[in-house]
């Protein structure tokens, strides 16, 4: 499977599986930091486009790139390698951890996006999260469902690959290893569990 089948416009390498993109995300961001133009303000490994709006109560930890016309709301936390393409909105009290997010995507408030690749034009309503770790399992290895088969990804941290145009309802949860095709719809309070217990 290729990430580009789900997310057509992401700028970073996407002809590989999303968990491999995430494994190298911090290095890819560091490389991009060195190539950014004057329209970015760079400070301590965090680059913010001069058209982006970042609330003074938000925390952004390196490495991170915040693209043009992004909005980062009050008390939000971005950490462990975050790359936001243009016009991404991160509402109040959201946490984005180790994630690549496509342009024109929105997170309402109180969202957690962990170890995930999110396409363009994706919308998360309030409280919806991508769970990225199986706390309740003895074996915490994550599997994904590809072509009707369970595939082991040799990782204990991977949230989701969310395709372009997907809508995720309020307080919904995607379980670790979720793969959502383009234009998917997840209902409010829905749990997405694509791989049965291993």
N, C-alpha and C. Protein backbone atom coordinates (compact mmCIF):
# COMPACT_ATOMS: atom_id res chain seq x y z
N UNK A 1 0.83 -1.18 0.00
CA UNK A 1 0.00 0.00 0.00
C UNK A 1 0.87 1.24 0.00
N UNK A 2 0.36 2.32 -0.58
CA UNK A 2 1.08 3.58 -0.63
C UNK A 2 0.23 4.66 0.04
N UNK A 3 0.89 5.54 0.76
CA UNK A 3 0.20 6.64 1.41
C UNK A 3 -0.50 7.51 0.38
N UNK A 4 0.07 7.65 -0.79
CA UNK A 4 -0.51 8.51 -1.84
C UNK A 4 -1.88 8.03 -2.31
N UNK A 5 -2.21 6.76 -2.08
CA UNK A 5 -3.55 6.26 -2.42
C UNK A 5 -4.62 6.86 -1.51
N UNK A 6 -4.22 7.36 -0.35
CA UNK A 6 -5.12 7.94 0.63
C UNK A 6 -5.02 9.47 0.65
N UNK A 7 -3.80 9.96 0.50
CA UNK A 7 -3.52 11.39 0.64
C UNK A 7 -2.74 11.83 -0.59
N UNK A 8 -3.43 12.48 -1.52
CA UNK A 8 -2.85 12.74 -2.83
C UNK A 8 -1.87 13.92 -2.88
N UNK A 9 -1.97 14.85 -1.95
CA UNK A 9 -1.22 16.10 -2.11
C UNK A 9 -0.14 16.35 -1.08
N UNK A 10 0.09 15.45 -0.15
CA UNK A 10 1.13 15.70 0.85
C UNK A 10 2.48 15.89 0.19
N UNK A 11 3.26 16.81 0.72
CA UNK A 11 4.53 17.16 0.08
C UNK A 11 5.67 16.20 0.42
N UNK A 12 5.64 15.58 1.57
CA UNK A 12 6.73 14.68 1.93
C UNK A 12 6.56 13.35 1.21
N UNK A 13 7.63 12.58 1.15
CA UNK A 13 7.65 11.27 0.47
C UNK A 13 6.43 10.44 0.87
N UNK A 14 5.68 9.97 -0.14
CA UNK A 14 4.47 9.23 0.20
C UNK A 14 4.25 7.97 -0.62
N UNK A 15 5.26 7.51 -1.30
CA UNK A 15 5.14 6.25 -2.03
C UNK A 15 5.53 5.07 -1.15
N UNK A 16 5.47 5.31 0.16
CA UNK A 16 5.76 4.27 1.15
C UNK A 16 4.61 4.25 2.15
N UNK A 17 4.61 3.26 3.03
CA UNK A 17 3.57 3.15 4.03
C UNK A 17 3.69 4.31 5.03
N UNK A 18 2.56 4.73 5.62
CA UNK A 18 2.59 5.89 6.52
C UNK A 18 3.45 5.68 7.75
N UNK A 19 3.55 4.46 8.26
CA UNK A 19 4.38 4.22 9.44
C UNK A 19 5.86 4.41 9.11
N UNK A 20 6.24 4.19 7.86
CA UNK A 20 7.62 4.47 7.46
C UNK A 20 7.86 5.96 7.30
N UNK A 21 6.85 6.68 6.83
CA UNK A 21 6.95 8.15 6.79
C UNK A 21 7.16 8.68 8.20
N UNK A 22 6.37 8.17 9.14
CA UNK A 22 6.46 8.66 10.51
C UNK A 22 7.78 8.28 11.17
N UNK A 23 8.32 7.13 10.81
CA UNK A 23 9.60 6.71 11.39
C UNK A 23 10.71 7.70 11.06
N UNK A 24 10.58 8.39 9.92
CA UNK A 24 11.60 9.35 9.48
C UNK A 24 11.11 10.79 9.50
N UNK A 25 9.97 11.04 10.14
CA UNK A 25 9.36 12.36 10.06
C UNK A 25 10.23 13.46 10.66
N UNK A 26 10.81 13.22 11.82
CA UNK A 26 11.62 14.27 12.44
C UNK A 26 12.82 14.63 11.57
N UNK A 27 13.47 13.64 10.97
CA UNK A 27 14.59 13.92 10.06
C UNK A 27 14.12 14.68 8.83
N UNK A 28 12.95 14.30 8.29
CA UNK A 28 12.41 14.99 7.11
C UNK A 28 12.09 16.44 7.43
N UNK A 29 11.55 16.69 8.62
CA UNK A 29 11.26 18.07 9.02
C UNK A 29 12.55 18.86 9.17
N UNK A 30 13.56 18.25 9.80
CA UNK A 30 14.85 18.94 9.96
C UNK A 30 15.43 19.32 8.60
N UNK A 31 15.32 18.43 7.63
CA UNK A 31 15.81 18.72 6.29
C UNK A 31 15.04 19.88 5.66
N UNK A 32 13.71 19.86 5.80
CA UNK A 32 12.87 20.94 5.27
C UNK A 32 13.18 22.28 5.93
N UNK A 33 13.48 22.26 7.22
CA UNK A 33 13.80 23.50 7.94
C UNK A 33 14.95 24.25 7.27
N UNK A 34 15.93 23.49 6.80
CA UNK A 34 17.10 24.10 6.18
C UNK A 34 16.80 24.68 4.80
N UNK A 35 15.67 24.29 4.22
CA UNK A 35 15.34 24.71 2.85
C UNK A 35 14.23 25.76 2.78
N UNK A 36 13.69 26.18 3.92
CA UNK A 36 12.57 27.12 3.92
C UNK A 36 13.04 28.53 3.54
N UNK A 37 12.11 29.29 2.95
CA UNK A 37 12.42 30.66 2.53
C UNK A 37 12.18 31.68 3.63
N UNK A 38 12.31 32.95 3.24
CA UNK A 38 12.21 34.07 4.18
C UNK A 38 10.80 34.27 4.73
N UNK A 39 9.81 33.62 4.14
CA UNK A 39 8.44 33.79 4.63
C UNK A 39 8.19 33.02 5.93
N UNK A 40 9.19 32.26 6.38
CA UNK A 40 9.10 31.54 7.65
C UNK A 40 9.98 32.20 8.69
N UNK A 41 9.49 32.22 9.91
CA UNK A 41 10.30 32.65 11.06
C UNK A 41 10.76 31.36 11.74
N UNK A 42 12.07 31.19 11.84
CA UNK A 42 12.65 29.97 12.42
C UNK A 42 13.27 30.30 13.77
N UNK A 43 12.86 29.52 14.78
CA UNK A 43 13.41 29.72 16.13
C UNK A 43 13.47 28.38 16.85
N UNK A 44 14.68 27.97 17.23
CA UNK A 44 14.89 26.74 18.00
C UNK A 44 14.20 25.52 17.39
N UNK A 45 14.34 25.36 16.07
CA UNK A 45 13.82 24.18 15.41
C UNK A 45 12.34 24.21 15.10
N UNK A 46 11.70 25.36 15.26
CA UNK A 46 10.29 25.53 14.92
C UNK A 46 10.19 26.63 13.87
N UNK A 47 9.58 26.31 12.72
CA UNK A 47 9.39 27.29 11.66
C UNK A 47 7.90 27.60 11.54
N UNK A 48 7.57 28.89 11.57
CA UNK A 48 6.18 29.34 11.48
C UNK A 48 6.08 30.32 10.32
N UNK A 49 5.19 30.03 9.38
CA UNK A 49 4.98 30.92 8.25
C UNK A 49 4.47 32.27 8.74
N UNK A 50 4.89 33.35 8.07
CA UNK A 50 4.53 34.68 8.56
C UNK A 50 3.05 35.00 8.40
N UNK A 51 2.27 34.16 7.72
CA UNK A 51 0.82 34.36 7.65
C UNK A 51 0.06 33.49 8.66
N UNK A 52 0.77 32.62 9.37
CA UNK A 52 0.12 31.75 10.36
C UNK A 52 -0.20 32.55 11.62
N UNK A 53 -1.25 32.13 12.32
CA UNK A 53 -1.62 32.74 13.59
C UNK A 53 -1.46 31.68 14.67
N UNK A 54 -0.62 31.99 15.65
CA UNK A 54 -0.38 31.07 16.76
C UNK A 54 -0.72 31.79 18.06
N UNK A 55 -1.70 31.26 18.79
CA UNK A 55 -2.08 31.87 20.06
C UNK A 55 -0.89 31.84 21.02
N UNK A 56 -0.68 32.89 21.78
CA UNK A 56 0.48 32.93 22.69
C UNK A 56 0.46 31.86 23.77
N UNK A 57 -0.68 31.25 24.03
CA UNK A 57 -0.73 30.18 25.05
C UNK A 57 -0.44 28.80 24.45
N UNK A 58 -0.30 28.71 23.13
CA UNK A 58 0.01 27.43 22.49
C UNK A 58 1.48 27.09 22.71
N UNK A 59 1.78 25.78 22.71
CA UNK A 59 3.15 25.31 22.84
C UNK A 59 3.50 24.48 21.62
N UNK A 60 4.60 24.84 20.97
CA UNK A 60 5.08 24.10 19.81
C UNK A 60 6.51 23.69 20.09
N UNK A 61 6.76 22.38 20.12
CA UNK A 61 8.10 21.86 20.41
C UNK A 61 8.75 21.36 19.13
N UNK A 62 10.05 21.58 19.02
CA UNK A 62 10.82 21.20 17.83
C UNK A 62 10.90 19.68 17.69
N UNK A 63 11.05 19.24 16.43
CA UNK A 63 11.00 20.02 15.20
C UNK A 63 9.56 20.18 14.73
N UNK A 64 9.28 21.32 14.12
CA UNK A 64 7.93 21.57 13.62
C UNK A 64 7.97 22.59 12.50
N UNK A 65 7.07 22.42 11.54
CA UNK A 65 6.84 23.40 10.49
C UNK A 65 5.35 23.70 10.46
N UNK A 66 5.03 24.98 10.59
CA UNK A 66 3.65 25.45 10.56
C UNK A 66 3.49 26.25 9.27
N UNK A 67 2.66 25.75 8.35
CA UNK A 67 2.55 26.31 7.02
C UNK A 67 1.75 27.60 6.95
N UNK A 68 1.62 28.11 5.73
CA UNK A 68 0.93 29.37 5.47
C UNK A 68 -0.53 29.30 5.91
N UNK A 69 -0.99 30.40 6.51
CA UNK A 69 -2.39 30.59 6.88
C UNK A 69 -2.91 29.56 7.88
N UNK A 70 -2.02 28.90 8.61
CA UNK A 70 -2.46 27.98 9.66
C UNK A 70 -2.94 28.77 10.88
N UNK A 71 -3.76 28.13 11.69
CA UNK A 71 -4.22 28.70 12.94
C UNK A 71 -3.97 27.68 14.04
N UNK A 72 -3.29 28.12 15.11
CA UNK A 72 -3.05 27.26 16.27
C UNK A 72 -3.72 27.94 17.46
N UNK A 73 -4.75 27.30 18.00
CA UNK A 73 -5.58 27.92 19.02
C UNK A 73 -5.01 27.86 20.42
N UNK A 74 -5.73 28.48 21.36
CA UNK A 74 -5.26 28.57 22.75
C UNK A 74 -5.02 27.20 23.38
N UNK A 75 -3.93 27.12 24.11
CA UNK A 75 -3.58 25.96 24.94
C UNK A 75 -3.36 24.68 24.14
N UNK A 76 -3.12 24.79 22.86
CA UNK A 76 -2.81 23.61 22.06
C UNK A 76 -1.34 23.24 22.23
N UNK A 77 -1.05 21.95 22.02
CA UNK A 77 0.31 21.42 22.15
C UNK A 77 0.66 20.66 20.90
N UNK A 78 1.75 21.06 20.26
CA UNK A 78 2.28 20.35 19.09
C UNK A 78 3.68 19.88 19.46
N UNK A 79 3.93 18.56 19.31
CA UNK A 79 5.21 18.04 19.81
C UNK A 79 5.67 16.81 19.04
N UNK A 80 6.94 16.49 19.22
CA UNK A 80 7.55 15.24 18.74
C UNK A 80 7.59 15.12 17.22
N UNK A 81 7.66 16.25 16.53
CA UNK A 81 7.73 16.23 15.07
C UNK A 81 6.37 16.45 14.44
N UNK A 82 6.08 17.70 14.09
CA UNK A 82 4.77 18.04 13.50
C UNK A 82 5.01 18.86 12.24
N UNK A 83 4.31 18.47 11.17
CA UNK A 83 4.39 19.17 9.89
C UNK A 83 2.96 19.50 9.46
N UNK A 84 2.63 20.80 9.46
CA UNK A 84 1.31 21.25 9.03
C UNK A 84 1.45 21.95 7.69
N UNK A 85 0.74 21.45 6.69
CA UNK A 85 0.72 22.14 5.42
C UNK A 85 -0.19 23.37 5.53
N UNK A 86 -0.45 24.06 4.44
CA UNK A 86 -1.15 25.34 4.47
C UNK A 86 -2.59 25.22 4.97
N UNK A 87 -3.01 26.27 5.68
CA UNK A 87 -4.40 26.46 6.06
C UNK A 87 -4.96 25.34 6.94
N UNK A 88 -4.14 24.85 7.85
CA UNK A 88 -4.59 23.87 8.84
C UNK A 88 -5.05 24.63 10.07
N UNK A 89 -6.18 24.24 10.63
CA UNK A 89 -6.71 24.88 11.84
C UNK A 89 -6.68 23.89 12.99
N UNK A 90 -5.96 24.26 14.04
CA UNK A 90 -5.86 23.45 15.26
C UNK A 90 -6.55 24.24 16.36
N UNK A 91 -7.72 23.80 16.77
CA UNK A 91 -8.51 24.55 17.73
C UNK A 91 -7.99 24.48 19.15
N UNK A 92 -8.70 25.10 20.08
CA UNK A 92 -8.26 25.17 21.47
C UNK A 92 -8.06 23.79 22.10
N UNK A 93 -6.98 23.69 22.86
CA UNK A 93 -6.69 22.52 23.69
C UNK A 93 -6.54 21.22 22.91
N UNK A 94 -6.08 21.31 21.67
CA UNK A 94 -5.77 20.11 20.90
C UNK A 94 -4.33 19.70 21.16
N UNK A 95 -4.04 18.41 20.99
CA UNK A 95 -2.66 17.93 21.02
C UNK A 95 -2.38 17.20 19.71
N UNK A 96 -1.31 17.64 19.04
CA UNK A 96 -0.86 17.00 17.81
C UNK A 96 0.53 16.47 18.12
N UNK A 97 0.70 15.15 18.03
CA UNK A 97 1.96 14.52 18.39
C UNK A 97 2.49 13.68 17.23
N UNK A 98 3.64 14.02 16.73
CA UNK A 98 4.33 13.23 15.70
C UNK A 98 3.39 12.95 14.53
N UNK A 99 3.06 14.01 13.80
CA UNK A 99 2.05 13.87 12.75
C UNK A 99 2.35 14.76 11.55
N UNK A 100 1.88 14.29 10.41
CA UNK A 100 1.93 15.02 9.15
C UNK A 100 0.49 15.29 8.76
N UNK A 101 0.16 16.59 8.55
CA UNK A 101 -1.23 16.97 8.31
C UNK A 101 -1.33 17.79 7.02
N UNK A 102 -2.21 17.35 6.13
CA UNK A 102 -2.39 17.99 4.84
C UNK A 102 -3.16 19.31 4.92
N UNK A 103 -3.08 20.06 3.85
CA UNK A 103 -3.68 21.40 3.79
C UNK A 103 -5.20 21.36 3.97
N UNK A 104 -5.70 22.47 4.50
CA UNK A 104 -7.14 22.68 4.67
C UNK A 104 -7.82 21.68 5.59
N UNK A 105 -7.07 21.09 6.50
CA UNK A 105 -7.65 20.20 7.49
C UNK A 105 -7.91 20.97 8.78
N UNK A 106 -8.92 20.52 9.54
CA UNK A 106 -9.35 21.25 10.73
C UNK A 106 -9.60 20.30 11.90
N UNK A 107 -9.21 20.77 13.07
CA UNK A 107 -9.42 20.07 14.33
C UNK A 107 -10.14 21.04 15.25
N UNK A 108 -11.34 20.69 15.68
CA UNK A 108 -12.21 21.64 16.37
C UNK A 108 -11.63 22.08 17.71
N UNK A 109 -11.66 21.20 18.69
CA UNK A 109 -11.04 21.43 19.99
C UNK A 109 -11.06 20.11 20.76
N UNK A 110 -10.11 20.00 21.70
CA UNK A 110 -9.96 18.80 22.53
C UNK A 110 -9.73 17.55 21.69
N UNK A 111 -9.01 17.69 20.59
CA UNK A 111 -8.65 16.53 19.76
C UNK A 111 -7.24 16.07 20.12
N UNK A 112 -7.00 14.76 19.99
CA UNK A 112 -5.64 14.21 20.07
C UNK A 112 -5.37 13.50 18.76
N UNK A 113 -4.29 13.92 18.09
CA UNK A 113 -3.85 13.30 16.85
C UNK A 113 -2.44 12.79 17.12
N UNK A 114 -2.29 11.47 17.28
CA UNK A 114 -1.01 10.91 17.65
C UNK A 114 -0.45 9.97 16.60
N UNK A 115 0.81 10.19 16.23
CA UNK A 115 1.54 9.29 15.33
C UNK A 115 0.71 8.95 14.10
N UNK A 116 0.26 9.98 13.41
CA UNK A 116 -0.69 9.80 12.32
C UNK A 116 -0.33 10.63 11.09
N UNK A 117 -0.85 10.17 9.95
CA UNK A 117 -0.77 10.92 8.70
C UNK A 117 -2.20 11.27 8.32
N UNK A 118 -2.47 12.57 8.21
CA UNK A 118 -3.81 13.08 7.95
C UNK A 118 -3.79 13.77 6.59
N UNK A 119 -4.73 13.45 5.74
CA UNK A 119 -4.78 14.02 4.41
C UNK A 119 -5.27 15.45 4.38
N UNK A 120 -5.57 15.94 3.19
CA UNK A 120 -6.06 17.30 2.99
C UNK A 120 -7.58 17.35 3.11
N UNK A 121 -8.08 18.49 3.60
CA UNK A 121 -9.52 18.68 3.69
C UNK A 121 -10.20 17.76 4.67
N UNK A 122 -9.49 17.32 5.67
CA UNK A 122 -10.04 16.43 6.71
C UNK A 122 -10.60 17.29 7.84
N UNK A 123 -11.71 16.87 8.42
CA UNK A 123 -12.31 17.61 9.53
C UNK A 123 -12.57 16.68 10.71
N UNK A 124 -12.02 17.05 11.86
CA UNK A 124 -12.27 16.35 13.12
C UNK A 124 -13.15 17.23 13.98
N UNK A 125 -14.35 16.75 14.34
CA UNK A 125 -15.19 17.48 15.27
C UNK A 125 -14.62 17.36 16.68
N UNK A 126 -15.19 18.11 17.61
CA UNK A 126 -14.68 18.21 18.97
C UNK A 126 -14.52 16.85 19.63
N UNK A 127 -13.39 16.66 20.29
CA UNK A 127 -13.16 15.48 21.10
C UNK A 127 -12.77 14.23 20.36
N UNK A 128 -12.77 14.25 19.03
CA UNK A 128 -12.40 13.05 18.26
C UNK A 128 -10.89 12.85 18.33
N UNK A 129 -10.46 11.58 18.42
CA UNK A 129 -9.04 11.30 18.59
C UNK A 129 -8.58 10.14 17.70
N UNK A 130 -7.28 10.13 17.44
CA UNK A 130 -6.63 8.97 16.85
C UNK A 130 -5.81 8.31 17.95
N UNK A 131 -6.30 7.21 18.49
CA UNK A 131 -5.54 6.48 19.50
C UNK A 131 -4.31 5.86 18.83
N UNK A 132 -3.18 5.89 19.51
CA UNK A 132 -1.93 5.47 18.88
C UNK A 132 -1.19 4.36 19.62
N UNK A 133 -1.81 3.77 20.63
CA UNK A 133 -1.11 2.78 21.45
C UNK A 133 -2.14 1.88 22.13
N UNK A 134 -1.84 0.57 22.17
CA UNK A 134 -2.75 -0.38 22.83
C UNK A 134 -2.30 -0.60 24.27
N UNK A 135 -2.76 0.24 25.16
CA UNK A 135 -2.43 0.13 26.57
C UNK A 135 -2.96 -1.16 27.17
N UNK A 136 -4.12 -1.62 26.68
CA UNK A 136 -4.81 -2.74 27.30
C UNK A 136 -4.29 -4.10 26.86
N UNK A 137 -3.42 -4.16 25.87
CA UNK A 137 -2.95 -5.44 25.35
C UNK A 137 -1.59 -5.83 25.93
N UNK A 138 -1.42 -7.13 26.12
CA UNK A 138 -0.12 -7.65 26.54
C UNK A 138 0.92 -7.41 25.43
N UNK A 139 0.57 -7.80 24.20
CA UNK A 139 1.42 -7.54 23.03
C UNK A 139 0.90 -6.26 22.40
N UNK A 140 1.70 -5.22 22.46
CA UNK A 140 1.26 -3.90 22.02
C UNK A 140 1.58 -3.60 20.56
N UNK A 141 2.10 -4.59 19.85
CA UNK A 141 2.40 -4.40 18.43
C UNK A 141 1.13 -4.05 17.67
N UNK A 142 1.26 -3.12 16.74
CA UNK A 142 0.10 -2.66 15.98
C UNK A 142 0.03 -3.36 14.63
N UNK A 143 -1.19 -3.75 14.27
CA UNK A 143 -1.48 -4.34 12.97
C UNK A 143 -2.41 -3.41 12.21
N UNK A 144 -2.34 -3.45 10.90
CA UNK A 144 -3.28 -2.73 10.05
C UNK A 144 -3.97 -3.73 9.13
N UNK A 145 -5.11 -3.32 8.59
CA UNK A 145 -5.88 -4.19 7.70
C UNK A 145 -5.64 -3.71 6.27
N UNK A 146 -4.93 -4.52 5.47
CA UNK A 146 -4.61 -4.17 4.08
C UNK A 146 -5.08 -5.30 3.18
N UNK A 147 -5.92 -4.95 2.22
CA UNK A 147 -6.44 -5.95 1.27
C UNK A 147 -7.05 -7.16 1.96
N UNK A 148 -7.78 -6.90 3.05
CA UNK A 148 -8.48 -7.97 3.75
C UNK A 148 -7.62 -8.81 4.68
N UNK A 149 -6.36 -8.45 4.81
CA UNK A 149 -5.44 -9.21 5.67
C UNK A 149 -4.86 -8.31 6.75
N UNK A 150 -4.58 -8.90 7.93
CA UNK A 150 -3.89 -8.19 8.98
C UNK A 150 -2.40 -8.15 8.68
N UNK A 151 -1.81 -6.96 8.73
CA UNK A 151 -0.38 -6.80 8.46
C UNK A 151 0.29 -6.17 9.67
N UNK A 152 1.30 -6.84 10.17
CA UNK A 152 2.07 -6.35 11.32
C UNK A 152 2.98 -5.22 10.86
N UNK A 153 3.03 -4.12 11.62
CA UNK A 153 3.88 -3.01 11.21
C UNK A 153 5.11 -2.84 12.11
N UNK A 154 5.32 -3.75 13.04
CA UNK A 154 6.50 -3.72 13.90
C UNK A 154 6.68 -2.39 14.60
N UNK A 155 5.58 -1.90 15.15
CA UNK A 155 5.62 -0.66 15.90
C UNK A 155 4.59 -0.74 17.01
N UNK A 156 4.86 -0.08 18.11
CA UNK A 156 3.87 0.00 19.18
C UNK A 156 3.23 1.39 19.24
N UNK A 157 3.58 2.25 18.28
CA UNK A 157 2.99 3.59 18.21
C UNK A 157 2.66 3.93 16.76
N UNK A 158 1.40 3.84 16.43
CA UNK A 158 0.89 4.32 15.14
C UNK A 158 -0.60 4.56 15.30
N UNK A 159 -1.03 5.76 14.95
CA UNK A 159 -2.43 6.10 15.10
C UNK A 159 -3.25 5.73 13.89
N UNK A 160 -3.20 6.57 12.85
CA UNK A 160 -4.07 6.35 11.70
C UNK A 160 -3.51 7.00 10.45
N UNK A 161 -3.97 6.49 9.34
CA UNK A 161 -3.82 7.13 8.04
C UNK A 161 -5.23 7.54 7.64
N UNK A 162 -5.47 8.85 7.58
CA UNK A 162 -6.80 9.38 7.31
C UNK A 162 -6.80 10.01 5.93
N UNK A 163 -7.59 9.46 5.02
CA UNK A 163 -7.61 9.91 3.64
C UNK A 163 -8.20 11.30 3.45
N UNK A 164 -7.83 11.92 2.34
CA UNK A 164 -8.32 13.25 1.98
C UNK A 164 -9.84 13.32 2.08
N UNK A 165 -10.34 14.46 2.58
CA UNK A 165 -11.77 14.71 2.58
C UNK A 165 -12.57 13.97 3.63
N UNK A 166 -11.92 13.27 4.52
CA UNK A 166 -12.62 12.48 5.54
C UNK A 166 -13.21 13.39 6.63
N UNK A 167 -14.35 13.00 7.15
CA UNK A 167 -15.03 13.71 8.24
C UNK A 167 -15.15 12.78 9.43
N UNK A 168 -14.67 13.24 10.59
CA UNK A 168 -14.69 12.43 11.81
C UNK A 168 -15.56 13.14 12.84
N UNK A 169 -16.62 12.47 13.29
CA UNK A 169 -17.59 13.08 14.19
C UNK A 169 -17.08 13.27 15.61
N UNK A 170 -17.80 14.08 16.36
CA UNK A 170 -17.42 14.43 17.72
C UNK A 170 -17.26 13.18 18.59
N UNK A 171 -16.19 13.18 19.37
CA UNK A 171 -15.88 12.13 20.34
C UNK A 171 -15.72 10.75 19.73
N UNK A 172 -15.48 10.68 18.44
CA UNK A 172 -15.16 9.39 17.81
C UNK A 172 -13.71 9.04 18.10
N UNK A 173 -13.41 7.73 18.02
CA UNK A 173 -12.06 7.24 18.26
C UNK A 173 -11.66 6.30 17.14
N UNK A 174 -10.51 6.55 16.53
CA UNK A 174 -9.93 5.58 15.61
C UNK A 174 -8.88 4.80 16.39
N UNK A 175 -9.00 3.48 16.39
CA UNK A 175 -8.06 2.63 17.11
C UNK A 175 -6.70 2.62 16.42
N UNK A 176 -5.64 2.27 17.14
CA UNK A 176 -4.32 2.20 16.51
C UNK A 176 -4.34 1.31 15.26
N UNK A 177 -3.72 1.83 14.20
CA UNK A 177 -3.65 1.08 12.95
C UNK A 177 -4.80 1.31 12.00
N UNK A 178 -5.63 2.31 12.26
CA UNK A 178 -6.77 2.59 11.39
C UNK A 178 -6.31 3.19 10.05
N UNK A 179 -6.88 2.68 8.96
CA UNK A 179 -6.66 3.21 7.62
C UNK A 179 -8.02 3.60 7.07
N UNK A 180 -8.23 4.90 6.82
CA UNK A 180 -9.51 5.38 6.29
C UNK A 180 -9.31 5.91 4.89
N UNK A 181 -10.08 5.38 3.95
CA UNK A 181 -10.01 5.80 2.54
C UNK A 181 -10.44 7.26 2.41
N UNK A 182 -10.15 7.84 1.26
CA UNK A 182 -10.58 9.21 0.98
C UNK A 182 -12.09 9.34 1.17
N UNK A 183 -12.49 10.49 1.68
CA UNK A 183 -13.91 10.85 1.84
C UNK A 183 -14.70 9.91 2.74
N UNK A 184 -14.01 9.29 3.69
CA UNK A 184 -14.71 8.47 4.68
C UNK A 184 -15.50 9.37 5.63
N UNK A 185 -16.52 8.79 6.26
CA UNK A 185 -17.30 9.49 7.28
C UNK A 185 -17.36 8.60 8.51
N UNK A 186 -16.93 9.17 9.64
CA UNK A 186 -16.98 8.47 10.92
C UNK A 186 -18.02 9.18 11.77
N UNK A 187 -19.00 8.45 12.24
CA UNK A 187 -20.09 9.06 13.01
C UNK A 187 -19.66 9.50 14.40
N UNK A 188 -20.47 10.37 14.98
CA UNK A 188 -20.21 10.82 16.35
C UNK A 188 -20.24 9.63 17.30
N UNK A 189 -19.29 9.63 18.25
CA UNK A 189 -19.15 8.58 19.27
C UNK A 189 -18.78 7.22 18.69
N UNK A 190 -18.43 7.15 17.43
CA UNK A 190 -18.11 5.86 16.81
C UNK A 190 -16.69 5.42 17.16
N UNK A 191 -16.52 4.12 17.35
CA UNK A 191 -15.20 3.50 17.53
C UNK A 191 -14.85 2.75 16.27
N UNK A 192 -13.72 3.10 15.66
CA UNK A 192 -13.26 2.38 14.48
C UNK A 192 -12.21 1.37 14.94
N UNK A 193 -12.52 0.10 14.81
CA UNK A 193 -11.63 -1.01 15.20
C UNK A 193 -11.55 -1.93 14.01
N UNK A 194 -10.51 -1.75 13.17
CA UNK A 194 -10.43 -2.49 11.92
C UNK A 194 -9.77 -3.86 12.06
N UNK A 195 -8.96 -4.02 13.07
CA UNK A 195 -8.27 -5.29 13.29
C UNK A 195 -8.80 -5.90 14.57
N UNK A 196 -9.34 -7.12 14.47
CA UNK A 196 -9.83 -7.79 15.68
C UNK A 196 -8.65 -8.11 16.59
N UNK A 197 -8.96 -8.46 17.82
CA UNK A 197 -7.90 -8.73 18.79
C UNK A 197 -6.96 -9.80 18.28
N UNK A 198 -5.68 -9.54 18.43
CA UNK A 198 -4.64 -10.46 17.95
C UNK A 198 -4.20 -11.35 19.09
